[in-house]
Amino acid sequence: MATLTIRIDDRLDAELRDMAARTGTGKSAFVREAVRRQLAIARLEELRRRVAPFAEAQGWLTDEDVFDEVS
């Protein structure tokens, strides 16, 4: 497993410690999950940008357009 060192301000560290304690996880585990989620969001946004021209060509301009089509 790789190690990543980041600098965070005292307020963010306090929030992180508090949330990790309330969820029963360590700070590292909490941050790992946050990074995983952010990467998933970034991949989804990238995919949406790549398929947007094809969707628009089909007349799908919103998420609702897509949901209506597949429902």
PDB file of N, CA and C in Angstrom:
ATOM      1  N   MET A   1       0.845  -1.168   0.000  1.00  0.00           N
ATOM      2  CA  MET A   1       0.000   0.000   0.000  1.00  0.00           C
ATOM      3  C   MET A   1       0.894   1.236   0.000  1.00  0.00           C
ATOM      4  N   ALA A   2       0.524   2.202  -0.824  1.00  0.00           N
ATOM      5  CA  ALA A   2       1.276   3.450  -0.915  1.00  0.00           C
ATOM      6  C   ALA A   2       0.879   4.385   0.221  1.00  0.00           C
ATOM      7  N   THR A   3       1.735   5.348   0.470  1.00  0.00           N
ATOM      8  CA  THR A   3       1.471   6.362   1.486  1.00  0.00           C
ATOM      9  C   THR A   3       1.375   7.715   0.806  1.00  0.00           C
ATOM     10  N   LEU A   4       0.405   8.510   1.217  1.00  0.00           N
ATOM     11  CA  LEU A   4       0.212   9.856   0.694  1.00  0.00           C
ATOM     12  C   LEU A   4       0.227  10.815   1.874  1.00  0.00           C
ATOM     13  N   THR A   5       1.037  11.835   1.779  1.00  0.00           N
ATOM     14  CA  THR A   5       1.103  12.843   2.833  1.00  0.00           C
ATOM     15  C   THR A   5       0.505  14.131   2.298  1.00  0.00           C
ATOM     16  N   ILE A   6      -0.449  14.689   3.035  1.00  0.00           N
ATOM     17  CA  ILE A   6      -1.059  15.962   2.636  1.00  0.00           C
ATOM     18  C   ILE A   6      -1.043  16.910   3.823  1.00  0.00           C
ATOM     19  N   ARG A   7      -1.110  18.192   3.523  1.00  0.00           N
ATOM     20  CA  ARG A   7      -1.201  19.199   4.569  1.00  0.00           C
ATOM     21  C   ARG A   7      -2.658  19.669   4.627  1.00  0.00           C
ATOM     22  N   ILE A   8      -3.189  19.723   5.837  1.00  0.00           N
ATOM     23  CA  ILE A   8      -4.528  20.266   6.037  1.00  0.00           C
ATOM     24  C   ILE A   8      -4.470  21.243   7.206  1.00  0.00           C
ATOM     25  N   ASP A   9      -5.356  22.225   7.158  1.00  0.00           N
ATOM     26  CA  ASP A   9      -5.346  23.203   8.247  1.00  0.00           C
ATOM     27  C   ASP A   9      -5.945  22.587   9.512  1.00  0.00           C
ATOM     28  N   ASP A  10      -5.747  23.278  10.621  1.00  0.00           N
ATOM     29  CA  ASP A  10      -6.181  22.755  11.921  1.00  0.00           C
ATOM     30  C   ASP A  10      -7.686  22.516  11.981  1.00  0.00           C
ATOM     31  N   ARG A  11      -8.440  23.407  11.379  1.00  0.00           N
ATOM     32  CA  ARG A  11      -9.900  23.260  11.404  1.00  0.00           C
ATOM     33  C   ARG A  11     -10.336  21.999  10.662  1.00  0.00           C
ATOM     34  N   LEU A  12      -9.764  21.765   9.486  1.00  0.00           N
ATOM     35  CA  LEU A  12     -10.106  20.564   8.725  1.00  0.00           C
ATOM     36  C   LEU A  12      -9.671  19.310   9.472  1.00  0.00           C
ATOM     37  N   ASP A  13      -8.517  19.363  10.110  1.00  0.00           N
ATOM     38  CA  ASP A  13      -8.051  18.222  10.898  1.00  0.00           C
ATOM     39  C   ASP A  13      -9.014  17.927  12.047  1.00  0.00           C
ATOM     40  N   ALA A  14      -9.489  18.973  12.705  1.00  0.00           N
ATOM     41  CA  ALA A  14     -10.437  18.784  13.806  1.00  0.00           C
ATOM     42  C   ALA A  14     -11.739  18.171  13.298  1.00  0.00           C
ATOM     43  N   GLU A  15     -12.233  18.658  12.159  1.00  0.00           N
ATOM     44  CA  GLU A  15     -13.449  18.094  11.574  1.00  0.00           C
ATOM     45  C   GLU A  15     -13.243  16.636  11.196  1.00  0.00           C
ATOM     46  N   LEU A  16     -12.084  16.346  10.627  1.00  0.00           N
ATOM     47  CA  LEU A  16     -11.767  14.976  10.228  1.00  0.00           C
ATOM     48  C   LEU A  16     -11.692  14.054  11.441  1.00  0.00           C
ATOM     49  N   ARG A  17     -10.998  14.492  12.483  1.00  0.00           N
ATOM     50  CA  ARG A  17     -10.908  13.685  13.711  1.00  0.00           C
ATOM     51  C   ARG A  17     -12.290  13.435  14.299  1.00  0.00           C
ATOM     52  N   ASP A  18     -13.103  14.488  14.341  1.00  0.00           N
ATOM     53  CA  ASP A  18     -14.443  14.376  14.903  1.00  0.00           C
ATOM     54  C   ASP A  18     -15.300  13.396  14.096  1.00  0.00           C
ATOM     55  N   MET A  19     -15.298  13.538  12.791  1.00  0.00           N
ATOM     56  CA  MET A  19     -16.123  12.669  11.955  1.00  0.00           C
ATOM     57  C   MET A  19     -15.629  11.229  12.003  1.00  0.00           C
ATOM     58  N   ALA A  20     -14.338  11.042  11.990  1.00  0.00           N
ATOM     59  CA  ALA A  20     -13.788   9.686  12.078  1.00  0.00           C
ATOM     60  C   ALA A  20     -14.201   9.036  13.393  1.00  0.00           C
ATOM     61  N   ALA A  21     -14.166   9.800  14.466  1.00  0.00           N
ATOM     62  CA  ALA A  21     -14.565   9.259  15.774  1.00  0.00           C
ATOM     63  C   ALA A  21     -16.057   8.931  15.791  1.00  0.00           C
ATOM     64  N   ARG A  22     -16.871   9.821  15.228  1.00  0.00           N
ATOM     65  CA  ARG A  22     -18.325   9.597  15.228  1.00  0.00           C
ATOM     66  C   ARG A  22     -18.725   8.422  14.354  1.00  0.00           C
ATOM     67  N   THR A  23     -17.963   8.156  13.301  1.00  0.00           N
ATOM     68  CA  THR A  23     -18.297   7.034  12.417  1.00  0.00           C
ATOM     69  C   THR A  23     -17.574   5.758  12.813  1.00  0.00           C
ATOM     70  N   GLY A  24     -16.701   5.855  13.807  1.00  0.00           N
ATOM     71  CA  GLY A  24     -15.999   4.662  14.275  1.00  0.00           C
ATOM     72  C   GLY A  24     -14.898   4.191  13.347  1.00  0.00           C
ATOM     73  N   THR A  25     -14.350   5.104  12.573  1.00  0.00           N
ATOM     74  CA  THR A  25     -13.246   4.764  11.676  1.00  0.00           C
ATOM     75  C   THR A  25     -12.036   5.610  12.037  1.00  0.00           C
ATOM     76  N   GLY A  26     -10.902   5.217  11.525  1.00  0.00           N
ATOM     77  CA  GLY A  26      -9.711   6.036  11.686  1.00  0.00           C
ATOM     78  C   GLY A  26      -9.699   7.137  10.636  1.00  0.00           C
ATOM     79  N   LYS A  27      -8.852   8.123  10.847  1.00  0.00           N
ATOM     80  CA  LYS A  27      -8.747   9.212   9.874  1.00  0.00           C
ATOM     81  C   LYS A  27      -8.336   8.687   8.509  1.00  0.00           C
ATOM     82  N   SER A  28      -7.372   7.776   8.474  1.00  0.00           N
ATOM     83  CA  SER A  28      -6.900   7.255   7.188  1.00  0.00           C
ATOM     84  C   SER A  28      -8.010   6.540   6.436  1.00  0.00           C
ATOM     85  N   ALA A  29      -8.767   5.707   7.134  1.00  0.00           N
ATOM     86  CA  ALA A  29      -9.862   4.978   6.486  1.00  0.00           C
ATOM     87  C   ALA A  29     -10.920   5.946   5.976  1.00  0.00           C
ATOM     88  N   PHE A  30     -11.218   6.968   6.763  1.00  0.00           N
ATOM     89  CA  PHE A  30     -12.210   7.956   6.355  1.00  0.00           C
ATOM     90  C   PHE A  30     -11.751   8.689   5.098  1.00  0.00           C
ATOM     91  N   VAL A  31     -10.488   9.100   5.071  1.00  0.00           N
ATOM     92  CA  VAL A  31      -9.953   9.820   3.915  1.00  0.00           C
ATOM     93  C   VAL A  31      -9.877   8.905   2.697  1.00  0.00           C
ATOM     94  N   ARG A  32      -9.474   7.638   2.883  1.00  0.00           N
ATOM     95  CA  ARG A  32      -9.441   6.699   1.751  1.00  0.00           C
ATOM     96  C   ARG A  32     -10.815   6.593   1.098  1.00  0.00           C
ATOM     97  N   GLU A  33     -11.855   6.456   1.910  1.00  0.00           N
ATOM     98  CA  GLU A  33     -13.212   6.350   1.366  1.00  0.00           C
ATOM     99  C   GLU A  33     -13.620   7.643   0.667  1.00  0.00           C
ATOM    100  N   ALA A  34     -13.253   8.783   1.227  1.00  0.00           N
ATOM    101  CA  ALA A  34     -13.566  10.067   0.597  1.00  0.00           C
ATOM    102  C   ALA A  34     -12.876  10.188  -0.762  1.00  0.00           C
ATOM    103  N   VAL A  35     -11.631   9.751  -0.846  1.00  0.00           N
ATOM    104  CA  VAL A  35     -10.896   9.799  -2.115  1.00  0.00           C
ATOM    105  C   VAL A  35     -11.543   8.851  -3.122  1.00  0.00           C
ATOM    106  N   ARG A  36     -11.910   7.646  -2.679  1.00  0.00           N
ATOM    107  CA  ARG A  36     -12.590   6.701  -3.585  1.00  0.00           C
ATOM    108  C   ARG A  36     -13.863   7.309  -4.157  1.00  0.00           C
ATOM    109  N   ARG A  37     -14.650   7.922  -3.291  1.00  0.00           N
ATOM    110  CA  ARG A  37     -15.901   8.530  -3.749  1.00  0.00           C
ATOM    111  C   ARG A  37     -15.644   9.684  -4.713  1.00  0.00           C
ATOM    112  N   GLN A  38     -14.668  10.513  -4.409  1.00  0.00           N
ATOM    113  CA  GLN A  38     -14.363  11.641  -5.285  1.00  0.00           C
ATOM    114  C   GLN A  38     -13.865  11.163  -6.641  1.00  0.00           C
ATOM    115  N   LEU A  39     -13.062  10.103  -6.656  1.00  0.00           N
ATOM    116  CA  LEU A  39     -12.596   9.541  -7.923  1.00  0.00           C
ATOM    117  C   LEU A  39     -13.762   8.985  -8.733  1.00  0.00           C
ATOM    118  N   ALA A  40     -14.715   8.347  -8.088  1.00  0.00           N
ATOM    119  CA  ALA A  40     -15.896   7.831  -8.787  1.00  0.00           C
ATOM    120  C   ALA A  40     -16.694   8.976  -9.400  1.00  0.00           C
ATOM    121  N   ILE A  41     -16.850  10.067  -8.654  1.00  0.00           N
ATOM    122  CA  ILE A  41     -17.552  11.238  -9.177  1.00  0.00           C
ATOM    123  C   ILE A  41     -16.807  11.810 -10.376  1.00  0.00           C
ATOM    124  N   ALA A  42     -15.491  11.907 -10.285  1.00  0.00           N
ATOM    125  CA  ALA A  42     -14.687  12.449 -11.386  1.00  0.00           C
ATOM    126  C   ALA A  42     -14.810  11.567 -12.623  1.00  0.00           C
ATOM    127  N   ARG A  43     -14.807  10.230 -12.435  1.00  0.00           N
ATOM    128  CA  ARG A  43     -14.966   9.323 -13.581  1.00  0.00           C
ATOM    129  C   ARG A  43     -16.337   9.497 -14.223  1.00  0.00           C
ATOM    130  N   LEU A  44     -17.371   9.625 -13.409  1.00  0.00           N
ATOM    131  CA  LEU A  44     -18.722   9.825 -13.932  1.00  0.00           C
ATOM    132  C   LEU A  44     -18.820  11.137 -14.707  1.00  0.00           C
ATOM    133  N   GLU A  45     -18.259  12.201 -14.160  1.00  0.00           N
ATOM    134  CA  GLU A  45     -18.291  13.490 -14.854  1.00  0.00           C
ATOM    135  C   GLU A  45     -17.540  13.417 -16.179  1.00  0.00           C
ATOM    136  N   GLU A  46     -16.401  12.716 -16.182  1.00  0.00           N
ATOM    137  CA  GLU A  46     -15.636  12.554 -17.418  1.00  0.00           C
ATOM    138  C   GLU A  46     -16.450  11.778 -18.452  1.00  0.00           C
ATOM    139  N   LEU A  47     -17.089  10.711 -18.025  1.00  0.00           N
ATOM    140  CA  LEU A  47     -17.916   9.916 -18.930  1.00  0.00           C
ATOM    141  C   LEU A  47     -19.068  10.742 -19.483  1.00  0.00           C
ATOM    142  N   ARG A  48     -19.697  11.523 -18.628  1.00  0.00           N
ATOM    143  CA  ARG A  48     -20.801  12.372 -19.086  1.00  0.00           C
ATOM    144  C   ARG A  48     -20.328  13.366 -20.148  1.00  0.00           C
ATOM    145  N   ARG A  49     -19.149  13.954 -19.944  1.00  0.00           N
ATOM    146  CA  ARG A  49     -18.619  14.894 -20.942  1.00  0.00           C
ATOM    147  C   ARG A  49     -18.367  14.191 -22.273  1.00  0.00           C
ATOM    148  N   ARG A  50     -17.873  12.949 -22.212  1.00  0.00           N
ATOM    149  CA  ARG A  50     -17.558  12.225 -23.447  1.00  0.00           C
ATOM    150  C   ARG A  50     -18.808  11.802 -24.209  1.00  0.00           C
ATOM    151  N   VAL A  51     -19.877  11.446 -23.498  1.00  0.00           N
ATOM    152  CA  VAL A  51     -21.078  10.967 -24.185  1.00  0.00           C
ATOM    153  C   VAL A  51     -22.085  12.077 -24.471  1.00  0.00           C
ATOM    154  N   ALA A  52     -21.884  13.249 -23.912  1.00  0.00           N
ATOM    155  CA  ALA A  52     -22.842  14.346 -24.081  1.00  0.00           C
ATOM    156  C   ALA A  52     -23.160  14.645 -25.546  1.00  0.00           C
ATOM    157  N   PRO A  53     -22.173  14.718 -26.443  1.00  0.00           N
ATOM    158  CA  PRO A  53     -22.519  14.999 -27.839  1.00  0.00           C
ATOM    159  C   PRO A  53     -23.433  13.932 -28.450  1.00  0.00           C
ATOM    160  N   PHE A  54     -23.219  12.673 -28.097  1.00  0.00           N
ATOM    161  CA  PHE A  54     -24.048  11.591 -28.621  1.00  0.00           C
ATOM    162  C   PHE A  54     -25.458  11.659 -28.039  1.00  0.00           C
ATOM    163  N   ALA A  55     -25.549  11.971 -26.759  1.00  0.00           N
ATOM    164  CA  ALA A  55     -26.852  12.088 -26.108  1.00  0.00           C
ATOM    165  C   ALA A  55     -27.635  13.264 -26.691  1.00  0.00           C
ATOM    166  N   GLU A  56     -26.960  14.377 -26.872  1.00  0.00           N
ATOM    167  CA  GLU A  56     -27.629  15.551 -27.432  1.00  0.00           C
ATOM    168  C   GLU A  56     -28.128  15.279 -28.841  1.00  0.00           C
ATOM    169  N   ALA A  57     -27.377  14.499 -29.619  1.00  0.00           N
ATOM    170  CA  ALA A  57     -27.802  14.142 -30.973  1.00  0.00           C
ATOM    171  C   ALA A  57     -29.092  13.325 -30.952  1.00  0.00           C
ATOM    172  N   GLN A  58     -29.336  12.616 -29.850  1.00  0.00           N
ATOM    173  CA  GLN A  58     -30.564  11.834 -29.697  1.00  0.00           C
ATOM    174  C   GLN A  58     -31.689  12.654 -29.058  1.00  0.00           C
ATOM    175  N   GLY A  59     -31.390  13.903 -28.722  1.00  0.00           N
ATOM    176  CA  GLY A  59     -32.381  14.763 -28.095  1.00  0.00           C
ATOM    177  C   GLY A  59     -32.431  14.635 -26.586  1.00  0.00           C
ATOM    178  N   TRP A  60     -31.435  13.983 -25.996  1.00  0.00           N
ATOM    179  CA  TRP A  60     -31.370  13.819 -24.542  1.00  0.00           C
ATOM    180  C   TRP A  60     -30.518  14.950 -23.977  1.00  0.00           C
ATOM    181  N   LEU A  61     -31.168  15.941 -23.431  1.00  0.00           N
ATOM    182  CA  LEU A  61     -30.450  17.106 -22.928  1.00  0.00           C
ATOM    183  C   LEU A  61     -30.338  17.122 -21.404  1.00  0.00           C
ATOM    184  N   THR A  62     -31.190  16.357 -20.729  1.00  0.00           N
ATOM    185  CA  THR A  62     -31.180  16.324 -19.266  1.00  0.00           C
ATOM    186  C   THR A  62     -31.207  14.879 -18.782  1.00  0.00           C
ATOM    187  N   ASP A  63     -30.930  14.684 -17.507  1.00  0.00           N
ATOM    188  CA  ASP A  63     -31.058  13.344 -16.921  1.00  0.00           C
ATOM    189  C   ASP A  63     -32.490  12.850 -17.055  1.00  0.00           C
ATOM    190  N   GLU A  64     -33.438  13.754 -16.910  1.00  0.00           N
ATOM    191  CA  GLU A  64     -34.854  13.384 -17.023  1.00  0.00           C
ATOM    192  C   GLU A  64     -35.167  12.834 -18.413  1.00  0.00           C
ATOM    193  N   ASP A  65     -34.560  13.411 -19.456  1.00  0.00           N
ATOM    194  CA  ASP A  65     -34.750  12.892 -20.813  1.00  0.00           C
ATOM    195  C   ASP A  65     -34.302  11.439 -20.905  1.00  0.00           C
ATOM    196  N   VAL A  66     -33.169  11.137 -20.316  1.00  0.00           N
ATOM    197  CA  VAL A  66     -32.642   9.771 -20.337  1.00  0.00           C
ATOM    198  C   VAL A  66     -33.561   8.852 -19.545  1.00  0.00           C
ATOM    199  N   PHE A  67     -33.963   9.257 -18.350  1.00  0.00           N
ATOM    200  CA  PHE A  67     -34.848   8.429 -17.524  1.00  0.00           C
ATOM    201  C   PHE A  67     -36.168   8.160 -18.238  1.00  0.00           C
ATOM    202  N   ASP A  68     -36.718   9.177 -18.907  1.00  0.00           N
ATOM    203  CA  ASP A  68     -37.968   8.987 -19.649  1.00  0.00           C
ATOM    204  C   ASP A  68     -37.786   7.963 -20.762  1.00  0.00           C
ATOM    205  N   GLU A  69     -36.645   7.994 -21.414  1.00  0.00           N
ATOM    206  CA  GLU A  69     -36.378   7.079 -22.529  1.00  0.00           C
ATOM    207  C   GLU A  69     -36.246   5.632 -22.063  1.00  0.00           C
ATOM    208  N   VAL A  70     -35.609   5.416 -20.937  1.00  0.00           N
ATOM    209  CA  VAL A  70     -35.365   4.039 -20.489  1.00  0.00           C
ATOM    210  C   VAL A  70     -36.480   3.506 -19.593  1.00  0.00           C
ATOM    211  N   SER A  71     -37.397   4.349 -19.182  1.00  0.00           N
ATOM    212  CA  SER A  71     -38.494   3.892 -18.306  1.00  0.00           C
ATOM    213  C   SER A  71     -39.637   3.326 -19.107  1.00  0.00           C
TER     214      SER A  71
END
